[in-house]
Amino acid sequence: MPGGHYEEGSLIWRSRWVTESGIVECREALAFPGERGRLVLLRRVRATEGPARVRVVLHPVADYGTQPLRAARRGDDGVWTARVGDLHLRWSGGGDASLSDVGPEVGSTGGQFTLDLDLAAGQRHDLVLELSEWPMWDDSLPVPSDTWSRTERAWSDAVPDLDDTVAARDGRQAYAVLRGMTSADGGMVAAATTSLPERSEAGRNYDYRYAWIRDQCFAGQAVAAAGQHPLLDEAVRFVGARLHEDGPKLKPAYTVDGGPVPDQRMLELPGYPGASTGSGTTSTASSNSTCSARRCCSSPPPHATTGSTGTAGGPPRSRWPPSPPAGTNRTRASGSWTTGPGRTAV
């Protein structure tokens, strides 16, 4: 019987399997804080009660299954290296894995790693998968115990207590999700999914894996209602930068670093019922994002200061309202700017 949950106030996932002979647990997480251009995925398998036999399968593919694994080799230290798409792959902890070809009957082709673990009661095994934009030949291998400790400490530091709320545990978990969706540049993706239809067969299937201005405004307001926390500053910084750069041409969505969202392309993948599957978006009009942003940000957040980014003896606070883009006229007491006839931005 499988089960699982996020550890409180983090995005560390703990899976649990109860079998006839014992209990097996697996912790998994992205190393946190993250590193630009590099992903580190941690997994720790442990036989909690009784011995356990666990099969690990790793089938890396890129570009939605169209680019299989290539140039895979196992070093003398048991570490696998390979290429997948434009990325460099390194996998440690799987030295005894076998590599076999996978046919199209499972959805894509390419190499698949298979590793069988025999764990005694109480024994654990660490697996670390790295994907990078550059070769990792000269990079030292992550030490699993140290990387786990840093990840746990980072989540503890990043997520506030929220003890003054009516549901502190739920609030902390929601904050952890928002933090996990936020990049180093402040952009917060709306969701980790694409092509979820608003209405069956209506064609309104959007890719939410980008920073949608409306959604980040709502998230920033929600964080502000809970207190002065870093995610509010991140939202103001990111949305403010987009306004300064684009002004009346503000777009509904951006990449997490503020770049343009790629054009929509359809994918040959199964998706949600009533929707085709695609990546990117064709939505470029600015009216929805500016109107939603105006409604979200028409008044100062509860914990923002007017015309100041700091208070004596206290933590830094978001400037409210942010400086207007060049060539705009600020509407008195509304927190919004008129950018042209019939157009209003936050």
Protein backbone atom coordinates (compact mmCIF):
# COMPACT_ATOMS: atom_id res chain seq x y z
CA MET A 1 0.00 0.00 0.00
CA PRO A 2 1.64 3.27 -1.11
CA GLY A 3 1.31 6.69 0.51
CA GLY A 4 3.16 9.94 0.82
CA HIS A 5 3.22 13.56 1.97
CA TYR A 6 5.32 16.72 2.02
CA GLU A 7 7.29 17.24 5.19
CA GLU A 8 5.85 20.27 6.98
CA GLY A 9 6.99 23.64 5.67
CA SER A 10 9.02 22.21 2.80
CA LEU A 11 8.88 20.56 -0.60
CA ILE A 12 10.64 17.45 0.67
CA TRP A 13 8.42 14.54 -0.35
CA ARG A 14 8.30 11.38 1.76
CA SER A 15 6.88 8.24 0.16
CA ARG A 16 5.96 5.16 2.17
CA TRP A 17 5.18 1.63 1.05
CA VAL A 18 3.74 -0.97 3.39
CA THR A 19 4.37 -4.49 2.12
CA GLU A 20 3.73 -7.96 3.52
CA SER A 21 7.30 -8.15 4.81
CA GLY A 22 7.96 -4.60 6.01
CA ILE A 23 7.88 -0.84 5.40
CA VAL A 24 9.96 1.11 2.91
CA GLU A 25 10.35 4.89 2.89
CA CYS A 26 11.84 7.21 0.29
CA ARG A 27 12.66 10.89 0.76
CA GLU A 28 13.12 13.00 -2.35
CA ALA A 29 13.75 16.65 -2.98
CA LEU A 30 15.42 19.14 -5.26
CA ALA A 31 18.53 20.48 -3.57
CA PHE A 32 17.60 23.84 -2.04
CA PRO A 33 18.52 26.59 -2.59
CA GLY A 34 18.86 25.86 -6.28
CA GLU A 35 21.70 26.77 -8.58
CA ARG A 36 21.21 28.57 -11.89
CA GLY A 37 21.70 26.22 -14.82
CA ARG A 38 21.92 23.09 -12.68
CA LEU A 39 19.40 20.74 -11.07
CA VAL A 40 20.25 18.33 -8.25
CA LEU A 41 17.62 15.72 -7.37
CA LEU A 42 18.08 13.82 -4.10
CA ARG A 43 16.54 10.47 -3.25
CA ARG A 44 17.12 8.42 -0.11
CA VAL A 45 15.60 4.93 0.14
CA ARG A 46 15.38 3.29 3.56
CA ALA A 47 14.09 -0.04 4.81
CA THR A 48 12.24 1.23 7.87
CA GLU A 49 10.92 -2.13 9.11
CA GLY A 50 12.23 -5.44 7.86
CA PRO A 51 14.40 -6.06 4.79
CA ALA A 52 13.39 -4.60 1.42
CA ARG A 53 14.05 -5.24 -2.25
CA VAL A 54 13.56 -2.10 -4.32
CA ARG A 55 13.83 -1.63 -8.09
CA VAL A 56 14.96 1.81 -9.27
CA VAL A 57 14.22 2.80 -12.89
CA LEU A 58 15.67 5.95 -14.49
CA HIS A 59 14.63 6.78 -18.05
CA PRO A 60 15.88 10.27 -19.00
CA VAL A 61 14.49 11.91 -22.14
CA ALA A 62 14.42 15.54 -23.28
CA ASP A 63 12.11 17.76 -25.31
CA TYR A 64 8.97 15.90 -24.26
CA GLY A 65 10.32 12.46 -25.09
CA THR A 66 11.77 13.24 -28.53
CA GLN A 67 15.47 13.30 -27.52
CA PRO A 68 16.70 10.10 -25.85
CA LEU A 69 19.72 9.43 -23.68
CA ARG A 70 23.05 9.24 -25.50
CA ALA A 71 26.77 8.88 -24.82
CA ALA A 72 26.19 7.11 -21.50
CA ARG A 73 29.22 5.75 -19.70
CA ARG A 74 30.04 4.50 -16.22
CA GLY A 75 33.25 5.70 -14.64
CA ASP A 76 35.62 3.70 -12.48
CA ASP A 77 33.99 5.30 -9.45
CA GLY A 78 30.57 3.90 -10.46
CA VAL A 79 29.20 7.32 -11.46
CA TRP A 80 27.19 7.48 -14.69
CA THR A 81 27.55 10.40 -17.10
CA ALA A 82 25.53 11.00 -20.27
CA ARG A 83 23.89 13.59 -22.50
CA VAL A 84 20.15 14.11 -22.84
CA GLY A 85 19.10 16.83 -25.25
CA ASP A 86 21.35 19.84 -24.61
CA LEU A 87 21.87 18.86 -20.98
CA HIS A 88 24.67 17.01 -19.25
CA LEU A 89 23.63 14.23 -16.87
CA ARG A 90 25.46 12.73 -13.90
CA TRP A 91 24.04 10.01 -11.65
CA SER A 92 25.70 8.79 -8.48
CA GLY A 93 24.54 5.95 -6.27
CA GLY A 94 23.55 3.82 -9.25
CA GLY A 95 26.88 2.19 -9.97
CA ASP A 96 25.36 -1.30 -10.12
CA ALA A 97 22.61 -0.26 -12.54
CA SER A 98 22.27 -1.85 -15.95
CA LEU A 99 21.61 0.17 -19.10
CA SER A 100 19.21 -1.16 -21.71
CA ASP A 101 17.38 0.16 -24.76
CA VAL A 102 13.70 1.05 -24.44
CA GLY A 103 11.30 0.51 -27.34
CA PRO A 104 8.55 2.83 -28.56
CA GLU A 105 5.90 0.77 -26.82
CA VAL A 106 6.56 2.69 -23.58
CA GLY A 107 6.20 6.08 -25.24
CA SER A 108 9.76 6.91 -26.23
CA THR A 109 13.07 5.32 -27.12
CA GLY A 110 16.53 5.54 -25.64
CA GLY A 111 18.51 4.21 -22.73
CA GLN A 112 16.98 3.20 -19.40
CA PHE A 113 18.84 2.51 -16.17
CA THR A 114 17.61 -0.29 -13.90
CA LEU A 115 18.98 -0.83 -10.41
CA ASP A 116 17.91 -3.50 -7.90
CA LEU A 117 18.58 -2.67 -4.26
CA ASP A 118 18.61 -5.27 -1.45
CA LEU A 119 18.38 -3.39 1.85
CA ALA A 120 18.64 -4.88 5.30
CA ALA A 121 16.34 -3.58 8.03
CA GLY A 122 17.35 -0.01 8.86
CA GLN A 123 19.71 0.30 5.88
CA ARG A 124 19.47 3.26 3.51
CA HIS A 125 20.77 4.09 0.03
CA ASP A 126 21.32 7.54 -1.51
CA LEU A 127 20.78 8.42 -5.17
CA VAL A 128 21.77 11.81 -6.62
CA LEU A 129 20.81 12.89 -10.15
CA GLU A 130 22.32 16.05 -11.63
CA LEU A 131 21.30 17.82 -14.83
CA SER A 132 23.39 20.76 -15.97
CA GLU A 133 23.76 23.16 -18.87
CA TRP A 134 27.52 22.63 -18.78
CA PRO A 135 29.85 19.63 -18.34
CA MET A 136 30.44 18.52 -14.75
CA TRP A 137 33.74 16.71 -15.25
CA ASP A 138 35.64 18.97 -12.85
CA ASP A 139 32.79 19.50 -10.38
CA SER A 140 33.02 17.55 -7.14
CA LEU A 141 30.20 15.10 -6.46
CA PRO A 142 27.53 16.27 -4.02
CA VAL A 143 27.84 14.58 -0.63
CA PRO A 144 24.30 13.30 0.04
CA SER A 145 24.26 13.86 3.81
CA ASP A 146 25.63 17.41 3.47
CA THR A 147 23.24 18.29 0.63
CA TRP A 148 20.28 16.95 2.59
CA SER A 149 21.29 18.99 5.64
CA ARG A 150 21.62 22.19 3.60
CA THR A 151 18.24 21.57 1.97
CA GLU A 152 16.51 21.01 5.32
CA ARG A 153 18.08 24.14 6.83
CA ALA A 154 17.23 26.23 3.79
CA TRP A 155 13.54 25.26 3.96
CA SER A 156 13.46 25.95 7.68
CA ASP A 157 14.90 29.43 7.07
CA ALA A 158 12.72 30.20 4.04
CA VAL A 159 9.28 29.38 5.42
CA PRO A 160 7.89 31.62 8.22
CA ASP A 161 6.12 30.22 11.27
CA LEU A 162 2.77 31.93 10.53
CA ASP A 163 1.72 31.14 14.10
CA ASP A 164 -0.64 34.13 14.13
CA THR A 165 -2.83 32.59 11.41
CA VAL A 166 -5.84 30.32 11.91
CA ALA A 167 -4.17 27.44 10.04
CA ALA A 168 -0.43 27.74 10.55
CA ARG A 169 0.44 24.29 9.15
CA ASP A 170 -1.60 24.78 5.98
CA GLY A 171 -0.30 28.32 5.59
CA ARG A 172 3.31 27.17 5.91
CA GLN A 173 2.78 24.50 3.28
CA ALA A 174 1.16 26.99 0.91
CA TYR A 175 4.08 29.38 1.43
CA ALA A 176 6.53 26.54 0.72
CA VAL A 177 4.78 25.80 -2.57
CA LEU A 178 4.88 29.47 -3.57
CA ARG A 179 8.56 29.67 -2.64
CA GLY A 180 9.31 26.55 -4.64
CA MET A 181 7.57 28.09 -7.66
CA THR A 182 9.65 31.30 -7.44
CA SER A 183 12.93 31.72 -9.31
CA ALA A 184 16.04 33.61 -8.24
CA ASP A 185 14.85 36.46 -10.49
CA GLY A 186 11.55 36.74 -8.60
CA GLY A 187 9.26 35.25 -11.26
CA MET A 188 6.68 32.82 -9.83
CA VAL A 189 5.24 30.19 -12.15
CA ALA A 190 1.48 29.88 -11.93
CA ALA A 191 1.48 26.08 -11.79
CA ALA A 192 3.63 23.10 -12.70
CA THR A 193 1.29 22.00 -15.47
CA THR A 194 0.30 22.78 -19.04
CA SER A 195 -2.79 22.40 -21.22
CA LEU A 196 -5.30 22.16 -18.41
CA PRO A 197 -8.52 23.16 -20.21
CA GLU A 198 -10.71 25.93 -18.84
CA ARG A 199 -13.57 24.31 -20.73
CA SER A 200 -13.65 21.04 -22.65
CA GLU A 201 -12.95 21.40 -26.37
CA ALA A 202 -13.01 25.21 -26.07
CA GLY A 203 -9.40 25.75 -27.13
CA ARG A 204 -8.49 27.74 -24.00
CA ASN A 205 -5.65 25.50 -22.88
CA TYR A 206 -2.79 27.48 -21.43
CA ASP A 207 0.73 26.66 -20.34
CA TYR A 208 0.90 27.77 -16.71
CA ARG A 209 4.59 26.97 -16.27
CA TYR A 210 5.40 30.64 -16.68
CA ALA A 211 5.13 33.75 -14.53
CA TRP A 212 1.62 35.09 -15.19
CA ILE A 213 1.38 38.67 -13.98
CA ARG A 214 -2.21 38.34 -12.71
CA ASP A 215 -1.41 35.22 -10.69
CA GLN A 216 1.73 36.66 -9.13
CA CYS A 217 -0.18 39.79 -8.12
CA PHE A 218 -2.74 37.62 -6.32
CA ALA A 219 0.04 35.63 -4.65
CA GLY A 220 1.82 38.80 -3.53
CA GLN A 221 -1.39 40.17 -2.00
CA ALA A 222 -1.97 36.89 -0.16
CA VAL A 223 1.54 36.94 1.29
CA ALA A 224 1.13 40.60 2.29
CA ALA A 225 -2.03 39.73 4.22
CA ALA A 226 0.00 37.22 6.26
CA GLY A 227 2.87 39.58 7.07
CA GLN A 228 6.06 41.13 5.75
CA HIS A 229 7.72 38.15 4.09
CA PRO A 230 10.30 37.90 1.27
CA LEU A 231 7.84 36.59 -1.31
CA LEU A 232 6.04 39.94 -1.23
CA ASP A 233 9.27 41.74 -2.09
CA GLU A 234 9.94 39.23 -4.86
CA ALA A 235 6.50 39.81 -6.39
CA VAL A 236 6.84 43.60 -6.29
CA ARG A 237 10.36 43.41 -7.71
CA PHE A 238 9.41 41.14 -10.60
CA VAL A 239 6.14 42.83 -11.58
CA GLY A 240 7.66 46.29 -11.15
CA ALA A 241 10.55 45.39 -13.44
CA ARG A 242 8.15 44.18 -16.13
CA LEU A 243 6.21 47.45 -15.91
CA HIS A 244 9.37 49.51 -16.18
CA GLU A 245 10.52 47.56 -19.22
CA ASP A 246 7.22 47.09 -21.08
CA GLY A 247 4.90 49.83 -19.76
CA PRO A 248 1.64 49.78 -21.74
CA LYS A 249 2.86 46.70 -23.64
CA LEU A 250 2.81 44.59 -20.49
CA LYS A 251 2.24 40.94 -21.39
CA PRO A 252 0.11 38.45 -19.47
CA ALA A 253 3.01 36.03 -18.97
CA TYR A 254 6.81 35.92 -18.95
CA THR A 255 9.50 33.37 -18.34
CA VAL A 256 10.70 33.27 -14.74
CA ASP A 257 13.66 35.49 -15.61
CA GLY A 258 11.45 38.09 -17.33
CA GLY A 259 11.94 36.95 -20.91
CA PRO A 260 9.25 36.37 -23.55
CA VAL A 261 7.20 33.17 -23.45
CA PRO A 262 7.92 30.99 -26.51
CA ASP A 263 5.23 30.60 -29.14
CA GLN A 264 2.81 27.76 -28.63
CA ARG A 265 3.60 24.46 -30.27
CA MET A 266 1.53 21.30 -30.10
CA LEU A 267 2.98 18.14 -28.59
CA GLU A 268 2.28 14.53 -29.46
CA LEU A 269 1.58 13.59 -25.87
CA PRO A 270 -1.53 12.40 -24.04
CA GLY A 271 -3.15 15.21 -22.08
CA TYR A 272 -6.25 16.14 -20.14
CA PRO A 273 -9.62 15.01 -21.54
CA GLY A 274 -11.08 17.64 -23.82
CA ALA A 275 -7.77 19.40 -24.47
CA SER A 276 -4.86 19.16 -26.84
CA THR A 277 -1.37 19.27 -25.35
CA GLY A 278 0.93 22.17 -26.06
CA SER A 279 3.90 24.13 -24.81
CA GLY A 280 4.19 27.92 -24.75
CA THR A 281 1.34 30.31 -25.34
CA THR A 282 -0.21 32.46 -28.05
CA SER A 283 -1.67 34.96 -25.56
CA THR A 284 0.02 38.36 -26.03
CA ALA A 285 -2.68 40.92 -25.23
CA SER A 286 -2.02 43.09 -22.19
CA SER A 287 -5.55 44.10 -21.17
CA ASN A 288 -6.28 41.13 -18.90
CA SER A 289 -2.99 41.35 -17.06
CA THR A 290 -3.11 45.12 -16.50
CA CYS A 291 -6.75 45.09 -15.37
CA SER A 292 -6.18 42.18 -12.99
CA ALA A 293 -3.01 43.80 -11.69
CA ARG A 294 -4.88 47.06 -11.12
CA ARG A 295 -7.54 45.27 -9.09
CA CYS A 296 -4.96 43.33 -7.09
CA CYS A 297 -2.69 46.26 -6.38
CA SER A 298 -5.06 49.22 -6.24
CA SER A 299 -4.28 49.70 -2.54
CA PRO A 300 -1.07 49.22 -0.54
CA PRO A 301 -0.47 45.77 0.94
CA PRO A 302 -1.06 45.74 4.71
CA HIS A 303 2.63 45.60 5.55
CA ALA A 304 4.07 47.85 2.85
CA THR A 305 5.33 51.34 3.65
CA THR A 306 4.57 54.40 1.56
CA GLY A 307 7.63 55.85 -0.15
CA SER A 308 10.12 53.85 1.89
CA THR A 309 11.95 50.56 1.55
CA GLY A 310 13.00 50.24 5.18
CA THR A 311 12.09 51.12 8.74
CA ALA A 312 14.38 52.01 11.60
CA GLY A 313 15.21 48.93 13.61
CA GLY A 314 12.99 46.72 11.46
CA PRO A 315 13.23 44.50 8.38
CA PRO A 316 13.31 45.95 4.86
CA ARG A 317 9.85 46.62 3.47
CA SER A 318 8.51 46.83 -0.05
CA ARG A 319 8.20 50.30 -1.54
CA TRP A 320 4.56 51.13 -2.21
CA PRO A 321 3.63 52.24 -4.70
CA PRO A 322 6.60 51.33 -6.93
CA SER A 323 7.97 54.05 -9.19
CA PRO A 324 5.87 54.48 -12.38
CA PRO A 325 7.25 53.65 -15.80
CA ALA A 326 8.51 56.53 -17.88
CA GLY A 327 5.82 58.30 -19.86
CA THR A 328 2.93 57.35 -17.57
CA ASN A 329 0.64 59.40 -15.33
CA ARG A 330 -0.14 58.14 -11.87
CA THR A 331 -3.79 58.21 -10.83
CA ARG A 332 -4.18 59.88 -7.42
CA ALA A 333 -4.82 57.53 -4.49
CA SER A 334 -5.46 54.53 -6.72
CA GLY A 335 -2.02 52.97 -6.85
CA SER A 336 -2.36 52.61 -10.65
CA TRP A 337 -0.98 54.43 -13.66
CA THR A 338 -2.72 55.55 -16.83
CA THR A 339 -0.58 54.40 -19.75
CA GLY A 340 -2.85 55.47 -22.60
CA PRO A 341 -6.47 55.80 -23.61
CA GLY A 342 -8.42 53.04 -21.93
CA ARG A 343 -5.29 51.38 -20.54
CA THR A 344 -4.36 51.14 -16.92
CA ALA A 345 -1.43 49.32 -15.31
CA VAL A 346 -0.65 48.53 -11.69
